[in-house]
Amino acid sequence: MGYTKRVALFPGGAIEMPPSKSIAHRVIICAALSGRGESLTQAATSEDTAATARCAEGLSGGGDKVFDCGESGSTLRFMIPVASLYPGRKTFVGHGRLMKRPLGPYLDELRGHGLDISLSGDAITAEGTLRPGIYRLPGDISSQFITGLLLALPLLPGDSEIRLTSPIVSASYVDVTLDVMSKFGVTAYNDNYARLLIHGKQRYIYSDVQIEADYSQAAYFLVAGALGYECECLGLAPFSRQGDSYIVELIKDCGARVRKGRNGGITVFPCDRIKPMVIDATHIPDLVPPLAALLTFADGESRIINAGRLRMKECDRLAAVCSELKRLGAKVRAGTDYILISGVKRLAGGVMSSHNDHRIAMMGAVAAIRSDRPVFIENAGCVAKSYPGFWDDFEKRNKGVMI
């Protein structure tokens, strides 16, 4: 992961998008809870989903166990309640900034439902088994808290309820969770994201779920298309529950022409004039890096608002988006929870840091499309966290080199 990538374009071809990371996490856990793990290896196509598969393999039975969650927030937040269905001492290990990301309200609520939990350094220990009941959680920190409970609570001996104490963010991820659960025969009732009702004594029934392609990864290629890197992204479900599928509409709103083809193919054609926009990131935080790269070249001033949660990602992603685009020549600045972008015609290019964040590295590739000089991305291998084949796909017609 410690290499620098030189990005100097040019484009083309059709690219098969990788399977959705968010769906894969959920399929892996549901398959494991069904008692059959056939989906584990097939679905684990990135470092994050491999972490979930690794942890899921250790679910069955009781006893003291260690779960290495890597740097995956989804893995950690899903696995704490799921692993706590079983007796024994559970130790959850994290790397990078994982244990510094928000967990407090989640752990406090789990403590009130049968778990003795402590956080020390890069490890969380939990003893006891999860109990059914009423869980109260903030909805404006992470929808992953809700998903973790949704996956675990149906297997308890009694009914449970999740009550949200603040409006939900990234609601589509809850929709994805409920959809995947239903494919494994487990249901929950969503009362307009204010509360979720879960009957106990359910069981997961194995299903050979086909994981659709990932819109959050495709977003970089679709944005790249509007900037001059014409390619067709294949395998994208036309009626996806993924919230990041909204990228297609946002690109249209910026003035780019989009063509939908067969087999989930989407092509975005180069756009001479990119319209400035105000974009609300409340439900689409993962789209901020590619959208910031796109709006860097807009004809006027753009704002990305309600983006404060990006400060709690693999890095302070809000600050990193701005600092690295600025290093390449963009006119951009960060506020507490927003990004202000004054569009430019071209970037100068140069050296930028990935901040060990896969989405910042991929943003740099997109920014290189309209840069006068190559863009050198430090620690570019961090894309393996979500999309190990990104550089191979991005360079299908390029002569980019590794240094």
Protein backbone atom coordinates (compact mmCIF):
# COMPACT_ATOMS: atom_id res chain seq x y z
CA MET A 1 0.00 0.00 0.00
CA GLY A 2 2.97 2.30 0.24
CA TYR A 3 3.48 3.28 -3.36
CA THR A 4 2.93 6.50 -5.27
CA LYS A 5 0.72 6.43 -8.33
CA ARG A 6 1.34 8.65 -11.34
CA VAL A 7 -1.92 9.45 -13.12
CA ALA A 8 -1.60 10.77 -16.65
CA LEU A 9 -4.54 9.83 -18.77
CA PHE A 10 -6.30 8.78 -21.32
CA PRO A 11 -9.34 6.78 -21.44
CA GLY A 12 -11.84 4.43 -22.49
CA GLY A 13 -13.52 1.12 -22.65
CA ALA A 14 -16.21 -0.68 -20.72
CA ILE A 15 -15.55 -1.44 -17.08
CA GLU A 16 -17.33 -4.05 -14.97
CA MET A 17 -18.03 -2.39 -11.64
CA PRO A 18 -17.12 -4.33 -8.48
CA PRO A 19 -19.85 -5.74 -6.23
CA SER A 20 -21.44 -3.34 -3.77
CA LYS A 21 -19.37 -3.20 -0.60
CA SER A 22 -22.32 -2.20 1.57
CA ILE A 23 -24.48 -5.06 0.28
CA ALA A 24 -21.61 -7.55 0.57
CA HIS A 25 -21.09 -6.81 4.28
CA ARG A 26 -24.73 -7.62 4.94
CA VAL A 27 -24.86 -10.72 2.74
CA ILE A 28 -21.77 -12.15 4.41
CA ILE A 29 -23.25 -11.76 7.90
CA CYS A 30 -26.70 -13.03 6.94
CA ALA A 31 -25.15 -16.08 5.25
CA ALA A 32 -23.08 -16.80 8.35
CA LEU A 33 -26.13 -16.45 10.62
CA SER A 34 -28.01 -18.88 8.39
CA GLY A 35 -25.43 -21.50 9.27
CA ARG A 36 -24.02 -21.66 5.78
CA GLY A 37 -21.08 -19.50 4.81
CA GLU A 38 -20.94 -20.24 1.10
CA SER A 39 -21.15 -16.55 0.24
CA LEU A 40 -18.21 -15.50 2.40
CA THR A 41 -15.31 -15.92 -0.01
CA GLN A 42 -17.30 -14.91 -3.08
CA ALA A 43 -18.52 -11.67 -1.52
CA ALA A 44 -15.21 -10.61 0.06
CA THR A 45 -13.65 -8.62 -2.79
CA SER A 46 -12.05 -5.79 -0.79
CA GLU A 47 -10.12 -5.38 2.44
CA ASP A 48 -13.24 -4.21 4.26
CA THR A 49 -15.46 -7.08 3.16
CA ALA A 50 -12.62 -9.53 3.78
CA ALA A 51 -12.56 -8.27 7.38
CA THR A 52 -16.28 -8.98 7.69
CA ALA A 53 -15.86 -12.46 6.19
CA ARG A 54 -12.99 -13.18 8.56
CA CYS A 55 -15.07 -12.14 11.56
CA ALA A 56 -18.18 -13.94 10.34
CA GLU A 57 -16.28 -17.21 10.14
CA GLY A 58 -15.73 -16.99 13.90
CA LEU A 59 -19.37 -16.41 14.82
CA SER A 60 -20.70 -19.88 15.52
CA GLY A 61 -20.65 -21.22 19.04
CA GLY A 62 -19.52 -19.58 22.24
CA GLY A 63 -16.18 -19.15 23.96
CA ASP A 64 -13.63 -16.35 24.02
CA LYS A 65 -12.86 -14.99 20.56
CA VAL A 66 -10.94 -12.20 18.86
CA PHE A 67 -12.48 -10.40 15.88
CA ASP A 68 -10.03 -8.40 13.75
CA CYS A 69 -12.11 -5.70 12.04
CA GLY A 70 -9.24 -4.15 10.11
CA GLU A 71 -10.11 -0.52 9.35
CA SER A 72 -13.74 -1.26 8.52
CA GLY A 73 -16.35 0.75 10.40
CA SER A 74 -19.13 -1.45 9.01
CA THR A 75 -17.42 -4.61 10.23
CA LEU A 76 -16.94 -3.31 13.75
CA ARG A 77 -20.36 -1.75 14.20
CA PHE A 78 -22.18 -4.74 12.69
CA MET A 79 -20.19 -7.40 14.48
CA ILE A 80 -20.43 -6.12 18.08
CA PRO A 81 -24.13 -6.97 18.49
CA VAL A 82 -24.01 -9.94 16.11
CA ALA A 83 -21.11 -11.63 17.92
CA SER A 84 -22.84 -10.86 21.22
CA LEU A 85 -25.61 -13.26 20.31
CA TYR A 86 -23.22 -15.90 21.59
CA PRO A 87 -21.76 -16.34 25.10
CA GLY A 88 -18.14 -15.68 25.90
CA ARG A 89 -15.66 -12.84 25.90
CA LYS A 90 -15.43 -11.04 22.56
CA THR A 91 -12.47 -8.82 21.69
CA PHE A 92 -12.81 -6.54 18.67
CA VAL A 93 -9.52 -5.24 17.29
CA GLY A 94 -9.27 -2.23 14.98
CA HIS A 95 -6.53 -0.48 13.03
CA GLY A 96 -5.87 3.02 11.77
CA ARG A 97 -8.49 5.49 13.00
CA LEU A 98 -11.19 2.87 13.46
CA MET A 99 -11.53 3.04 17.23
CA LYS A 100 -11.47 6.84 17.13
CA ARG A 101 -14.60 6.95 15.01
CA PRO A 102 -17.88 7.53 16.92
CA LEU A 103 -18.99 4.61 19.08
CA GLY A 104 -19.98 6.11 22.45
CA PRO A 105 -23.80 6.21 22.17
CA TYR A 106 -23.80 2.76 20.58
CA LEU A 107 -21.73 1.12 23.29
CA ASP A 108 -23.73 2.86 26.03
CA GLU A 109 -26.99 1.43 24.66
CA LEU A 110 -25.54 -2.06 24.32
CA ARG A 111 -24.37 -1.89 27.94
CA GLY A 112 -27.99 -1.46 28.94
CA HIS A 113 -28.98 -4.66 27.16
CA GLY A 114 -26.81 -7.36 28.68
CA LEU A 115 -23.28 -6.47 27.60
CA ASP A 116 -20.31 -5.47 29.70
CA ILE A 117 -18.25 -3.43 27.22
CA SER A 118 -14.96 -1.59 27.57
CA LEU A 119 -12.83 0.31 25.06
CA SER A 120 -9.09 0.48 25.54
CA GLY A 121 -6.71 1.69 22.84
CA ASP A 122 -7.45 -0.17 19.61
CA ALA A 123 -9.59 -2.89 21.16
CA ILE A 124 -13.13 -3.29 22.49
CA THR A 125 -14.00 -6.15 24.82
CA ALA A 126 -17.57 -7.32 25.36
CA GLU A 127 -18.89 -10.01 27.71
CA GLY A 128 -22.41 -11.27 28.15
CA THR A 129 -25.14 -11.91 25.60
CA LEU A 130 -27.45 -9.43 23.93
CA ARG A 131 -30.98 -9.08 25.35
CA PRO A 132 -34.17 -8.03 23.55
CA GLY A 133 -35.83 -4.75 24.46
CA ILE A 134 -36.13 -1.12 23.48
CA TYR A 135 -32.95 0.42 22.05
CA ARG A 136 -32.65 4.20 21.79
CA LEU A 137 -30.06 5.51 19.36
CA PRO A 138 -29.27 8.81 17.65
CA GLY A 139 -29.96 8.63 13.94
CA ASP A 140 -27.58 11.42 12.97
CA ILE A 141 -24.23 9.78 13.79
CA SER A 142 -24.16 6.55 11.80
CA SER A 143 -26.79 4.31 10.25
CA GLN A 144 -24.34 1.46 10.91
CA PHE A 145 -25.50 1.41 14.55
CA ILE A 146 -29.01 0.64 13.34
CA THR A 147 -27.87 -2.02 10.89
CA GLY A 148 -25.84 -3.87 13.51
CA LEU A 149 -28.91 -4.19 15.72
CA LEU A 150 -31.23 -5.03 12.84
CA LEU A 151 -29.02 -7.97 11.91
CA ALA A 152 -28.82 -9.33 15.46
CA LEU A 153 -32.16 -8.64 17.17
CA PRO A 154 -34.37 -11.04 15.12
CA LEU A 155 -32.47 -14.01 16.60
CA LEU A 156 -33.24 -13.08 20.22
CA PRO A 157 -36.00 -14.85 22.19
CA GLY A 158 -38.19 -11.73 22.48
CA ASP A 159 -39.34 -8.74 20.45
CA SER A 160 -37.29 -5.55 20.21
CA GLU A 161 -37.65 -2.00 19.05
CA ILE A 162 -35.10 0.54 17.83
CA ARG A 163 -36.20 4.11 18.56
CA LEU A 164 -34.29 6.92 16.88
CA THR A 165 -33.79 9.99 19.04
CA SER A 166 -32.76 12.25 16.15
CA PRO A 167 -33.43 12.32 12.38
CA ILE A 168 -31.68 9.59 10.45
CA VAL A 169 -28.76 10.14 8.07
CA SER A 170 -27.89 7.80 5.20
CA ALA A 171 -31.35 6.25 5.40
CA SER A 172 -30.77 4.24 2.23
CA TYR A 173 -28.29 2.02 4.08
CA VAL A 174 -31.09 0.93 6.42
CA ASP A 175 -33.18 0.17 3.34
CA VAL A 176 -30.35 -1.98 1.99
CA THR A 177 -30.11 -3.83 5.30
CA LEU A 178 -33.83 -4.59 5.42
CA ASP A 179 -33.76 -5.72 1.79
CA VAL A 180 -30.85 -8.13 2.31
CA MET A 181 -32.41 -9.50 5.52
CA SER A 182 -35.67 -10.17 3.68
CA LYS A 183 -33.80 -12.23 1.10
CA PHE A 184 -32.68 -14.47 3.98
CA GLY A 185 -36.22 -14.77 5.36
CA VAL A 186 -35.94 -12.22 8.20
CA THR A 187 -38.13 -9.14 8.49
CA ALA A 188 -38.46 -5.92 10.49
CA TYR A 189 -41.00 -3.12 10.32
CA ASN A 190 -39.74 0.37 9.50
CA ASP A 191 -42.00 3.08 10.93
CA ASN A 192 -40.79 5.98 8.80
CA TYR A 193 -37.26 5.77 10.28
CA ALA A 194 -38.57 6.92 13.67
CA ARG A 195 -38.63 3.39 15.03
CA LEU A 196 -38.02 -0.11 13.77
CA LEU A 197 -39.92 -3.08 15.18
CA ILE A 198 -38.26 -6.48 15.21
CA HIS A 199 -39.93 -9.74 16.16
CA GLY A 200 -37.71 -12.24 17.93
CA LYS A 201 -37.41 -15.99 17.36
CA GLN A 202 -36.79 -15.55 13.64
CA ARG A 203 -34.11 -17.44 11.74
CA TYR A 204 -31.96 -16.74 8.73
CA ILE A 205 -32.50 -19.12 5.82
CA TYR A 206 -29.59 -19.34 3.39
CA SER A 207 -30.12 -17.68 0.01
CA ASP A 208 -27.72 -17.46 -2.92
CA VAL A 209 -27.93 -13.67 -3.18
CA GLN A 210 -26.36 -12.03 -6.21
CA ILE A 211 -24.63 -8.83 -5.14
CA GLU A 212 -25.27 -5.91 -7.48
CA ALA A 213 -22.53 -3.54 -8.62
CA ASP A 214 -21.37 -0.68 -6.42
CA TYR A 215 -22.61 2.82 -7.26
CA SER A 216 -20.25 4.51 -4.78
CA GLN A 217 -17.28 3.09 -6.70
CA ALA A 218 -18.89 3.70 -10.08
CA ALA A 219 -19.35 7.36 -9.10
CA TYR A 220 -15.67 8.04 -9.81
CA PHE A 221 -15.92 6.72 -13.36
CA LEU A 222 -19.26 8.42 -14.01
CA VAL A 223 -17.86 11.76 -12.85
CA ALA A 224 -14.73 11.08 -14.88
CA GLY A 225 -16.96 10.67 -17.93
CA ALA A 226 -18.33 14.18 -17.52
CA LEU A 227 -14.74 15.49 -17.33
CA GLY A 228 -13.54 13.79 -20.50
CA TYR A 229 -12.76 10.19 -19.54
CA GLU A 230 -15.42 8.43 -21.54
CA CYS A 231 -16.17 4.86 -20.49
CA GLU A 232 -19.16 2.64 -19.87
CA CYS A 233 -19.78 1.38 -16.33
CA LEU A 234 -21.33 -2.08 -16.47
CA GLY A 235 -23.56 -4.01 -14.09
CA LEU A 236 -25.31 -1.14 -12.31
CA ALA A 237 -28.84 -2.06 -11.22
CA PRO A 238 -31.32 0.44 -12.73
CA PHE A 239 -33.59 0.46 -9.66
CA SER A 240 -31.04 0.09 -6.89
CA ARG A 241 -31.69 0.73 -3.20
CA GLN A 242 -28.15 2.08 -2.92
CA GLY A 243 -28.35 5.73 -1.96
CA ASP A 244 -25.26 6.49 -4.02
CA SER A 245 -27.17 5.64 -7.19
CA TYR A 246 -28.28 9.28 -6.89
CA ILE A 247 -24.93 10.15 -8.50
CA VAL A 248 -26.56 9.65 -11.92
CA GLU A 249 -29.17 12.35 -11.29
CA LEU A 250 -26.60 14.74 -9.82
CA ILE A 251 -24.39 14.37 -12.89
CA LYS A 252 -27.38 15.11 -15.11
CA ASP A 253 -28.15 18.20 -13.01
CA CYS A 254 -24.58 19.38 -13.62
CA GLY A 255 -25.32 19.37 -17.35
CA ALA A 256 -23.76 16.11 -18.48
CA ARG A 257 -25.49 13.72 -20.87
CA VAL A 258 -26.07 10.19 -19.59
CA ARG A 259 -26.86 7.11 -21.64
CA LYS A 260 -28.19 3.91 -20.11
CA GLY A 261 -27.47 0.75 -22.04
CA ARG A 262 -28.10 -2.95 -21.67
CA ASN A 263 -27.04 -5.05 -18.69
CA GLY A 264 -26.85 -2.10 -16.34
CA GLY A 265 -24.46 -0.13 -18.51
CA ILE A 266 -24.19 3.63 -17.92
CA THR A 267 -22.10 6.05 -19.96
CA VAL A 268 -21.55 9.72 -19.12
CA PHE A 269 -20.36 11.87 -22.00
CA PRO A 270 -17.87 14.75 -21.70
CA CYS A 271 -19.47 18.03 -20.68
CA ASP A 272 -18.07 21.38 -21.84
CA ARG A 273 -19.89 23.42 -19.19
CA ILE A 274 -20.43 21.98 -15.74
CA LYS A 275 -23.15 23.83 -13.87
CA PRO A 276 -22.42 24.92 -10.29
CA MET A 277 -24.64 23.34 -7.65
CA VAL A 278 -25.56 23.20 -3.99
CA ILE A 279 -25.48 19.55 -2.89
CA ASP A 280 -26.78 18.23 0.43
CA ALA A 281 -24.51 15.41 1.63
CA THR A 282 -26.76 14.25 4.48
CA HIS A 283 -27.64 10.93 2.85
CA ILE A 284 -24.74 10.60 0.37
CA PRO A 285 -21.51 11.24 2.33
CA ASP A 286 -19.46 8.81 0.21
CA LEU A 287 -20.23 10.82 -2.92
CA VAL A 288 -18.57 13.97 -1.62
CA PRO A 289 -15.03 13.26 -2.95
CA PRO A 290 -16.06 12.55 -6.56
CA LEU A 291 -18.59 15.38 -6.53
CA ALA A 292 -15.98 17.79 -5.18
CA ALA A 293 -13.68 16.79 -8.04
CA LEU A 294 -16.49 17.39 -10.54
CA LEU A 295 -17.52 20.77 -9.10
CA THR A 296 -13.88 21.89 -9.07
CA PHE A 297 -14.42 22.49 -12.82
CA ALA A 298 -17.91 24.02 -12.58
CA ASP A 299 -18.65 27.37 -14.16
CA GLY A 300 -19.21 29.25 -10.92
CA GLU A 301 -19.40 28.69 -7.16
CA SER A 302 -20.70 25.45 -5.65
CA ARG A 303 -21.36 24.29 -2.10
CA ILE A 304 -21.54 20.84 -0.54
CA ILE A 305 -23.47 21.19 2.71
CA ASN A 306 -24.24 18.99 5.73
CA ALA A 307 -20.93 17.21 5.27
CA GLY A 308 -19.68 17.33 8.86
CA ARG A 309 -19.76 13.53 9.25
CA LEU A 310 -16.91 13.30 6.76
CA ARG A 311 -14.60 14.46 9.54
CA MET A 312 -15.15 11.08 11.23
CA LYS A 313 -14.17 8.79 8.36
CA GLU A 314 -10.85 7.02 7.67
CA CYS A 315 -9.35 10.50 7.89
CA ASP A 316 -10.88 13.93 8.34
CA ARG A 317 -12.26 13.48 4.86
CA LEU A 318 -13.83 16.92 4.64
CA ALA A 319 -10.49 18.59 5.34
CA ALA A 320 -8.61 16.13 3.11
CA VAL A 321 -10.88 16.72 0.10
CA CYS A 322 -10.16 20.44 0.34
CA SER A 323 -6.45 20.31 1.15
CA GLU A 324 -5.60 17.85 -1.64
CA LEU A 325 -7.66 19.52 -4.35
CA LYS A 326 -6.10 22.81 -3.31
CA ARG A 327 -2.62 21.29 -3.65
CA LEU A 328 -3.47 20.49 -7.26
CA GLY A 329 -4.62 24.06 -7.94
CA ALA A 330 -8.32 24.08 -7.03
CA LYS A 331 -10.08 27.00 -5.35
CA VAL A 332 -11.76 25.25 -2.46
CA ARG A 333 -12.13 25.70 1.26
CA ALA A 334 -13.73 23.80 4.11
CA GLY A 335 -16.13 25.09 6.73
CA THR A 336 -17.27 23.24 9.82
CA ASP A 337 -19.69 21.10 7.84
CA TYR A 338 -19.49 22.36 4.28
CA ILE A 339 -17.18 22.73 1.29
CA LEU A 340 -17.12 25.87 -0.85
CA ILE A 341 -15.76 25.46 -4.37
CA SER A 342 -15.02 28.19 -6.93
CA GLY A 343 -14.71 26.48 -10.27
CA VAL A 344 -11.56 26.61 -12.42
CA LYS A 345 -10.91 25.56 -16.03
CA ARG A 346 -7.89 23.38 -15.30
CA LEU A 347 -5.75 22.18 -12.41
CA ALA A 348 -1.98 22.44 -12.33
CA GLY A 349 -1.43 18.87 -11.12
CA GLY A 350 1.39 17.81 -8.85
CA VAL A 351 1.76 15.68 -5.71
CA MET A 352 -1.11 14.92 -3.34
CA SER A 353 -1.59 12.69 -0.32
CA SER A 354 -4.25 10.00 -0.13
CA HIS A 355 -4.33 10.38 3.67
CA ASN A 356 -4.51 6.56 3.57
CA ASP A 357 -8.13 7.03 2.49
CA HIS A 358 -9.37 5.06 -0.52
CA ARG A 359 -11.88 7.71 -1.55
CA ILE A 360 -9.32 10.52 -1.48
CA ALA A 361 -6.98 8.48 -3.69
CA MET A 362 -9.74 7.83 -6.22
CA MET A 363 -10.70 11.51 -6.13
CA GLY A 364 -7.13 12.31 -7.17
CA ALA A 365 -7.46 10.08 -10.22
CA VAL A 366 -10.57 11.98 -11.30
CA ALA A 367 -8.93 15.37 -10.70
CA ALA A 368 -6.03 14.33 -12.95
CA ILE A 369 -8.34 14.26 -15.98
CA ARG A 370 -8.26 18.06 -16.25
CA SER A 371 -4.79 18.67 -14.86
CA ASP A 372 -2.02 20.18 -16.94
CA ARG A 373 0.63 17.98 -15.36
CA PRO A 374 0.41 14.43 -14.03
CA VAL A 375 -0.97 13.89 -10.55
CA PHE A 376 1.17 11.86 -8.17
CA ILE A 377 -0.91 10.20 -5.43
CA GLU A 378 1.01 9.09 -2.36
CA ASN A 379 0.02 5.74 -0.82
CA ALA A 380 -2.29 5.07 -3.74
CA GLY A 381 -2.61 1.39 -2.79
CA CYS A 382 -5.09 2.31 -0.05
CA VAL A 383 -7.83 1.85 -2.68
CA ALA A 384 -7.65 -1.86 -1.77
CA LYS A 385 -9.84 -1.03 1.22
CA SER A 386 -12.88 -0.87 -1.07
CA TYR A 387 -11.77 -1.40 -4.69
CA PRO A 388 -8.49 -3.33 -5.14
CA GLY A 389 -8.80 -3.30 -8.94
CA PHE A 390 -9.39 0.44 -9.23
CA TRP A 391 -6.03 1.35 -10.81
CA ASP A 392 -6.19 -1.54 -13.28
CA ASP A 393 -9.68 -0.47 -14.33
CA PHE A 394 -8.83 3.22 -14.47
CA GLU A 395 -5.83 2.53 -16.69
CA LYS A 396 -7.42 0.12 -19.14
CA ARG A 397 -6.34 2.41 -21.99
CA ASN A 398 -3.74 4.39 -20.07
CA LYS A 399 -0.03 4.17 -19.76
CA GLY A 400 0.00 5.23 -16.12
CA VAL A 401 3.00 3.88 -14.23
CA MET A 402 3.78 3.02 -10.65
CA ILE A 403 6.78 4.72 -9.09
